[in-house]
N, C-alpha and C. Protein backbone atom coordinates (compact mmCIF):
# COMPACT_ATOMS: atom_id res chain seq x y z
N MET A 1 93.45 -14.12 133.54
CA MET A 1 94.86 -13.84 133.41
C MET A 1 95.14 -12.98 132.16
N VAL A 2 94.42 -13.27 131.07
CA VAL A 2 94.59 -12.50 129.85
C VAL A 2 94.15 -11.05 130.07
N THR A 3 93.04 -10.88 130.79
CA THR A 3 92.53 -9.54 131.06
C THR A 3 93.53 -8.74 131.89
N GLU A 4 94.13 -9.38 132.90
CA GLU A 4 95.13 -8.72 133.73
C GLU A 4 96.34 -8.31 132.90
N THR A 5 96.77 -9.19 132.02
CA THR A 5 97.92 -8.89 131.16
C THR A 5 97.60 -7.72 130.22
N LYS A 6 96.40 -7.72 129.64
CA LYS A 6 96.00 -6.62 128.76
C LYS A 6 95.96 -5.30 129.52
N GLU A 7 95.43 -5.32 130.74
CA GLU A 7 95.34 -4.11 131.54
C GLU A 7 96.74 -3.60 131.89
N ARG A 8 97.62 -4.53 132.26
CA ARG A 8 99.00 -4.13 132.61
C ARG A 8 99.73 -3.56 131.39
N MET A 9 99.51 -4.15 130.22
CA MET A 9 100.14 -3.65 129.00
C MET A 9 99.62 -2.25 128.68
N LYS A 10 98.31 -2.03 128.87
CA LYS A 10 97.74 -0.71 128.63
C LYS A 10 98.32 0.31 129.60
N GLU A 11 98.47 -0.07 130.87
CA GLU A 11 99.07 0.82 131.85
C GLU A 11 100.50 1.17 131.47
N MET A 12 101.25 0.17 131.02
CA MET A 12 102.64 0.42 130.62
C MET A 12 102.69 1.36 129.41
N TRP A 13 101.76 1.15 128.46
CA TRP A 13 101.71 2.02 127.29
C TRP A 13 101.38 3.46 127.70
N ASP A 14 100.40 3.62 128.59
CA ASP A 14 100.03 4.96 129.05
C ASP A 14 101.20 5.64 129.77
N GLU A 15 101.93 4.88 130.56
CA GLU A 15 103.09 5.43 131.26
C GLU A 15 104.16 5.88 130.27
N ALA A 16 104.37 5.09 129.22
CA ALA A 16 105.36 5.44 128.20
C ALA A 16 104.94 6.71 127.46
N VAL A 17 103.66 6.80 127.12
CA VAL A 17 103.15 7.99 126.44
C VAL A 17 103.31 9.22 127.33
N GLU A 18 103.01 9.09 128.61
CA GLU A 18 103.17 10.20 129.55
C GLU A 18 104.63 10.65 129.63
N ALA A 19 105.56 9.70 129.65
CA ALA A 19 106.97 10.05 129.71
C ALA A 19 107.41 10.81 128.45
N VAL A 20 106.95 10.35 127.30
CA VAL A 20 107.28 11.03 126.04
C VAL A 20 106.65 12.43 126.03
N LEU A 21 105.43 12.55 126.53
CA LEU A 21 104.77 13.85 126.58
C LEU A 21 105.55 14.82 127.47
N GLU A 22 106.01 14.36 128.61
CA GLU A 22 106.77 15.24 129.51
C GLU A 22 108.05 15.72 128.83
N LYS A 23 108.73 14.84 128.10
CA LYS A 23 109.93 15.26 127.36
C LYS A 23 109.57 16.27 126.28
N ALA A 24 108.44 16.03 125.60
CA ALA A 24 107.99 16.95 124.55
C ALA A 24 107.70 18.32 125.15
N LYS A 25 107.09 18.37 126.32
CA LYS A 25 106.80 19.64 126.98
C LYS A 25 108.10 20.39 127.28
N ASP A 26 109.12 19.66 127.69
CA ASP A 26 110.41 20.29 127.97
C ASP A 26 111.00 20.93 126.73
N LEU A 27 110.69 20.38 125.56
CA LEU A 27 111.20 20.92 124.29
C LEU A 27 110.38 22.11 123.81
N GLY A 28 109.26 22.36 124.46
CA GLY A 28 108.44 23.51 124.12
C GLY A 28 107.43 23.20 123.03
N VAL A 29 107.00 24.27 122.36
CA VAL A 29 105.92 24.17 121.37
C VAL A 29 106.28 23.19 120.25
N LYS A 30 107.49 23.28 119.75
CA LYS A 30 107.90 22.39 118.66
C LYS A 30 107.83 20.93 119.09
N GLY A 31 108.31 20.63 120.27
CA GLY A 31 108.26 19.26 120.78
C GLY A 31 106.85 18.75 120.96
N VAL A 32 105.97 19.60 121.45
CA VAL A 32 104.58 19.21 121.67
C VAL A 32 103.87 18.99 120.34
N LYS A 33 104.10 19.86 119.37
CA LYS A 33 103.46 19.68 118.07
C LYS A 33 103.93 18.39 117.40
N GLU A 34 105.19 18.05 117.54
CA GLU A 34 105.68 16.77 117.02
C GLU A 34 105.04 15.60 117.76
N PHE A 35 104.90 15.73 119.08
CA PHE A 35 104.26 14.69 119.88
C PHE A 35 102.83 14.46 119.40
N VAL A 36 102.09 15.54 119.16
CA VAL A 36 100.70 15.43 118.70
C VAL A 36 100.65 14.67 117.38
N LEU A 37 101.55 14.97 116.47
CA LEU A 37 101.58 14.29 115.17
C LEU A 37 101.92 12.81 115.32
N LEU A 38 102.88 12.49 116.19
CA LEU A 38 103.34 11.11 116.34
C LEU A 38 102.42 10.26 117.21
N ASN A 39 101.57 10.87 118.00
CA ASN A 39 100.72 10.14 118.94
C ASN A 39 99.31 9.93 118.41
N ALA A 40 99.15 9.94 117.12
CA ALA A 40 97.81 9.89 116.52
C ALA A 40 97.06 8.60 116.81
N ASN A 41 97.74 7.51 117.11
CA ASN A 41 97.06 6.22 117.29
C ASN A 41 96.84 5.84 118.75
N SER A 42 97.05 6.75 119.65
CA SER A 42 96.88 6.46 121.07
C SER A 42 95.41 6.50 121.47
N ASP A 43 95.08 5.89 122.60
CA ASP A 43 93.71 5.96 123.14
C ASP A 43 93.35 7.40 123.49
N LYS A 44 94.33 8.14 123.97
CA LYS A 44 94.13 9.54 124.33
C LYS A 44 94.61 10.39 123.17
N GLN A 45 93.72 11.19 122.63
CA GLN A 45 94.06 12.04 121.51
C GLN A 45 94.50 13.41 122.03
N TYR A 46 95.54 13.95 121.44
CA TYR A 46 96.06 15.25 121.82
C TYR A 46 95.94 16.21 120.64
N GLU A 47 95.78 17.49 120.95
CA GLU A 47 95.77 18.51 119.91
C GLU A 47 96.22 19.83 120.51
N THR A 48 96.69 20.71 119.63
CA THR A 48 97.05 22.05 120.07
C THR A 48 96.12 23.06 119.42
N ILE A 49 95.80 24.10 120.16
CA ILE A 49 94.98 25.19 119.66
C ILE A 49 95.67 26.49 120.04
N GLU A 50 95.82 27.37 119.06
CA GLU A 50 96.37 28.69 119.35
C GLU A 50 95.26 29.57 119.90
N ALA A 51 95.60 30.39 120.90
CA ALA A 51 94.58 31.19 121.58
C ALA A 51 95.07 32.60 121.85
N SER A 52 94.12 33.51 121.90
CA SER A 52 94.41 34.90 122.26
C SER A 52 94.29 35.07 123.77
N GLN A 53 94.75 36.20 124.26
CA GLN A 53 94.63 36.52 125.69
C GLN A 53 93.18 36.52 126.14
N ASP A 54 92.32 37.12 125.33
CA ASP A 54 90.89 37.20 125.65
C ASP A 54 90.27 35.80 125.76
N THR A 55 90.58 34.95 124.80
CA THR A 55 90.03 33.59 124.81
C THR A 55 90.56 32.80 126.00
N LEU A 56 91.85 32.94 126.27
CA LEU A 56 92.44 32.23 127.40
C LEU A 56 91.78 32.66 128.72
N GLU A 57 91.53 33.94 128.87
CA GLU A 57 90.85 34.42 130.08
C GLU A 57 89.45 33.82 130.20
N LYS A 58 88.72 33.78 129.09
CA LYS A 58 87.37 33.20 129.11
C LYS A 58 87.43 31.70 129.44
N LEU A 59 88.41 31.02 128.89
CA LEU A 59 88.56 29.58 129.13
C LEU A 59 88.86 29.31 130.60
N LEU A 60 89.80 30.04 131.16
CA LEU A 60 90.21 29.80 132.54
C LEU A 60 89.17 30.26 133.56
N SER A 61 88.31 31.20 133.16
CA SER A 61 87.26 31.66 134.08
C SER A 61 85.99 30.81 133.96
N GLY A 62 85.99 29.85 133.04
CA GLY A 62 84.84 28.96 132.90
C GLY A 62 83.77 29.45 131.95
N LYS A 63 84.01 30.54 131.24
CA LYS A 63 83.02 31.06 130.30
C LYS A 63 82.99 30.23 129.01
N ILE A 64 84.07 29.54 128.72
CA ILE A 64 84.11 28.62 127.59
C ILE A 64 84.12 27.22 128.18
N ARG A 65 83.11 26.43 127.82
CA ARG A 65 83.00 25.08 128.40
C ARG A 65 82.98 23.99 127.35
N LYS A 66 83.06 24.39 126.06
CA LYS A 66 83.04 23.41 124.97
C LYS A 66 84.19 23.69 124.02
N ARG A 67 84.78 22.63 123.52
CA ARG A 67 85.91 22.74 122.62
C ARG A 67 85.54 23.47 121.33
N ASP A 68 84.35 23.22 120.81
CA ASP A 68 83.91 23.87 119.58
C ASP A 68 83.87 25.39 119.74
N LYS A 69 83.40 25.86 120.88
CA LYS A 69 83.34 27.30 121.12
C LYS A 69 84.75 27.88 121.17
N LEU A 70 85.67 27.15 121.78
CA LEU A 70 87.07 27.58 121.84
C LEU A 70 87.65 27.73 120.43
N GLU A 71 87.43 26.74 119.61
CA GLU A 71 87.96 26.77 118.25
C GLU A 71 87.29 27.88 117.43
N ASN A 72 86.00 28.06 117.57
CA ASN A 72 85.29 29.11 116.82
C ASN A 72 85.78 30.51 117.20
N LEU A 73 86.07 30.73 118.47
CA LEU A 73 86.60 32.02 118.90
C LEU A 73 87.95 32.29 118.26
N GLU A 74 88.77 31.26 118.15
CA GLU A 74 90.10 31.45 117.57
C GLU A 74 90.03 31.68 116.06
N ILE A 75 89.09 31.05 115.39
CA ILE A 75 88.89 31.31 113.96
C ILE A 75 88.47 32.77 113.77
N ALA A 76 87.57 33.26 114.62
CA ALA A 76 87.13 34.65 114.54
C ALA A 76 88.30 35.60 114.82
N THR A 77 89.16 35.25 115.78
CA THR A 77 90.31 36.09 116.10
C THR A 77 91.28 36.16 114.92
N GLN A 78 91.50 35.02 114.25
CA GLN A 78 92.38 35.01 113.08
C GLN A 78 91.82 35.91 111.97
N LYS A 79 90.52 35.86 111.76
CA LYS A 79 89.90 36.73 110.75
C LYS A 79 90.08 38.19 111.12
N GLN A 80 89.87 38.51 112.39
CA GLN A 80 90.01 39.88 112.86
C GLN A 80 91.47 40.34 112.71
N ASP A 81 92.43 39.48 113.04
CA ASP A 81 93.84 39.81 112.87
C ASP A 81 94.15 40.10 111.40
N GLY A 82 93.56 39.31 110.50
CA GLY A 82 93.76 39.51 109.07
C GLY A 82 93.23 40.85 108.61
N GLU A 83 92.07 41.25 109.14
CA GLU A 83 91.50 42.55 108.80
C GLU A 83 92.39 43.69 109.28
N VAL A 84 92.90 43.58 110.49
CA VAL A 84 93.79 44.60 111.05
C VAL A 84 95.04 44.70 110.19
N TYR A 85 95.58 43.56 109.77
CA TYR A 85 96.79 43.53 108.93
C TYR A 85 96.53 44.22 107.59
N ARG A 86 95.41 43.93 106.96
CA ARG A 86 95.10 44.53 105.67
C ARG A 86 94.92 46.05 105.80
N LYS A 87 94.32 46.50 106.88
CA LYS A 87 94.10 47.94 107.08
C LYS A 87 95.40 48.67 107.43
N ALA A 88 96.36 47.95 107.99
CA ALA A 88 97.60 48.58 108.43
C ALA A 88 98.57 48.85 107.28
N GLY A 89 98.22 48.42 106.10
CA GLY A 89 99.09 48.67 104.95
C GLY A 89 100.30 47.76 104.95
N ASN A 90 101.48 48.36 104.95
CA ASN A 90 102.69 47.54 104.86
C ASN A 90 103.34 47.29 106.23
N GLN A 91 102.56 47.30 107.28
CA GLN A 91 103.06 46.91 108.60
C GLN A 91 103.17 45.39 108.66
N PRO A 92 104.14 44.87 109.41
CA PRO A 92 104.26 43.40 109.51
C PRO A 92 103.05 42.79 110.21
N TYR A 93 102.70 41.59 109.79
CA TYR A 93 101.55 40.89 110.38
C TYR A 93 101.89 40.49 111.81
N LYS A 94 100.97 40.77 112.72
CA LYS A 94 101.16 40.37 114.11
C LYS A 94 99.88 39.70 114.58
N SER A 95 100.00 38.43 114.89
CA SER A 95 98.86 37.67 115.36
C SER A 95 98.63 37.96 116.84
N SER A 96 97.37 37.96 117.25
CA SER A 96 97.05 38.11 118.68
C SER A 96 96.94 36.75 119.36
N LEU A 97 97.20 35.67 118.60
CA LEU A 97 97.15 34.32 119.17
C LEU A 97 98.51 34.02 119.82
N ASN A 98 98.68 34.51 121.04
CA ASN A 98 99.96 34.44 121.73
C ASN A 98 100.13 33.23 122.63
N TYR A 99 99.14 32.36 122.66
CA TYR A 99 99.20 31.19 123.54
C TYR A 99 98.89 29.94 122.74
N ILE A 100 99.47 28.84 123.16
CA ILE A 100 99.17 27.54 122.56
C ILE A 100 98.70 26.63 123.69
N ILE A 101 97.53 26.05 123.50
CA ILE A 101 96.92 25.18 124.50
C ILE A 101 97.04 23.74 124.02
N LEU A 102 97.60 22.89 124.85
CA LEU A 102 97.66 21.46 124.55
C LEU A 102 96.48 20.80 125.24
N LEU A 103 95.59 20.20 124.44
CA LEU A 103 94.40 19.53 124.95
C LEU A 103 94.54 18.02 124.81
N ARG A 104 94.02 17.30 125.78
CA ARG A 104 93.94 15.84 125.70
C ARG A 104 92.46 15.46 125.68
N GLN A 105 92.10 14.65 124.71
CA GLN A 105 90.73 14.18 124.59
C GLN A 105 90.68 12.73 125.03
N GLU A 106 89.72 12.43 125.89
CA GLU A 106 89.52 11.04 126.28
C GLU A 106 88.05 10.80 126.59
N TYR A 107 87.67 9.56 126.53
CA TYR A 107 86.29 9.19 126.76
C TYR A 107 86.04 9.06 128.26
N ASP A 108 84.96 9.69 128.73
CA ASP A 108 84.57 9.61 130.14
C ASP A 108 83.35 8.71 130.24
N GLU A 109 83.53 7.57 130.87
CA GLU A 109 82.44 6.60 130.98
C GLU A 109 81.29 7.10 131.85
N LYS A 110 81.56 7.95 132.81
CA LYS A 110 80.51 8.45 133.70
C LYS A 110 79.47 9.27 132.95
N ILE A 111 79.92 10.06 131.99
CA ILE A 111 78.98 10.88 131.22
C ILE A 111 78.75 10.33 129.82
N ALA A 112 79.43 9.25 129.48
CA ALA A 112 79.30 8.59 128.18
C ALA A 112 79.56 9.56 127.02
N ASP A 113 80.65 10.33 127.16
CA ASP A 113 81.01 11.29 126.12
C ASP A 113 82.49 11.62 126.25
N ASP A 114 83.02 12.26 125.21
CA ASP A 114 84.41 12.70 125.26
C ASP A 114 84.53 13.96 126.09
N ILE A 115 85.67 14.06 126.79
CA ILE A 115 85.99 15.28 127.52
C ILE A 115 87.35 15.76 127.04
N PHE A 116 87.60 17.05 127.23
CA PHE A 116 88.88 17.65 126.85
C PHE A 116 89.54 18.19 128.11
N ILE A 117 90.80 17.85 128.28
CA ILE A 117 91.55 18.25 129.46
C ILE A 117 92.71 19.13 129.01
N ILE A 118 92.87 20.28 129.65
CA ILE A 118 94.00 21.15 129.33
C ILE A 118 95.25 20.55 129.98
N GLU A 119 96.19 20.16 129.14
CA GLU A 119 97.46 19.59 129.63
C GLU A 119 98.45 20.70 129.99
N THR A 120 98.61 21.64 129.06
CA THR A 120 99.63 22.67 129.22
C THR A 120 99.21 23.91 128.42
N ILE A 121 99.65 25.05 128.88
CA ILE A 121 99.48 26.30 128.13
C ILE A 121 100.87 26.89 127.90
N PHE A 122 101.20 27.14 126.64
CA PHE A 122 102.48 27.74 126.30
C PHE A 122 102.26 29.21 125.92
N ILE A 123 103.23 30.05 126.24
CA ILE A 123 103.21 31.45 125.84
C ILE A 123 104.21 31.59 124.70
N LYS A 124 103.71 32.09 123.55
CA LYS A 124 104.61 32.30 122.41
C LYS A 124 105.32 33.65 122.57
N ASN A 125 106.49 33.74 121.99
CA ASN A 125 107.26 35.01 122.01
C ASN A 125 106.82 35.89 120.89
């Protein structure tokens, strides 16, 4: 009986988190970033990563299969954007990271490791 109650409470908690996430998505990038900060103690961890068009294409085509590679590509893109900005003189800085990816991390018992699931992709203006 205790196990059933614990499982039901976990299900209710997950449902509540999902409802809050959906509202956060409706609020856009700002809402999602606040959700990520406030949801730090959940079983499912969420994070946002800024991405370029090139990286997003590689991710969606399956060429990027690990979170670390995704993050490393974006760090390289930020460095490249910084170089372009410095060479442009007094032109305003323009990042090529035009997308924000919301990732959910959870443990997969079948493979005994963490997996990352793309929840949403936002396009920045």
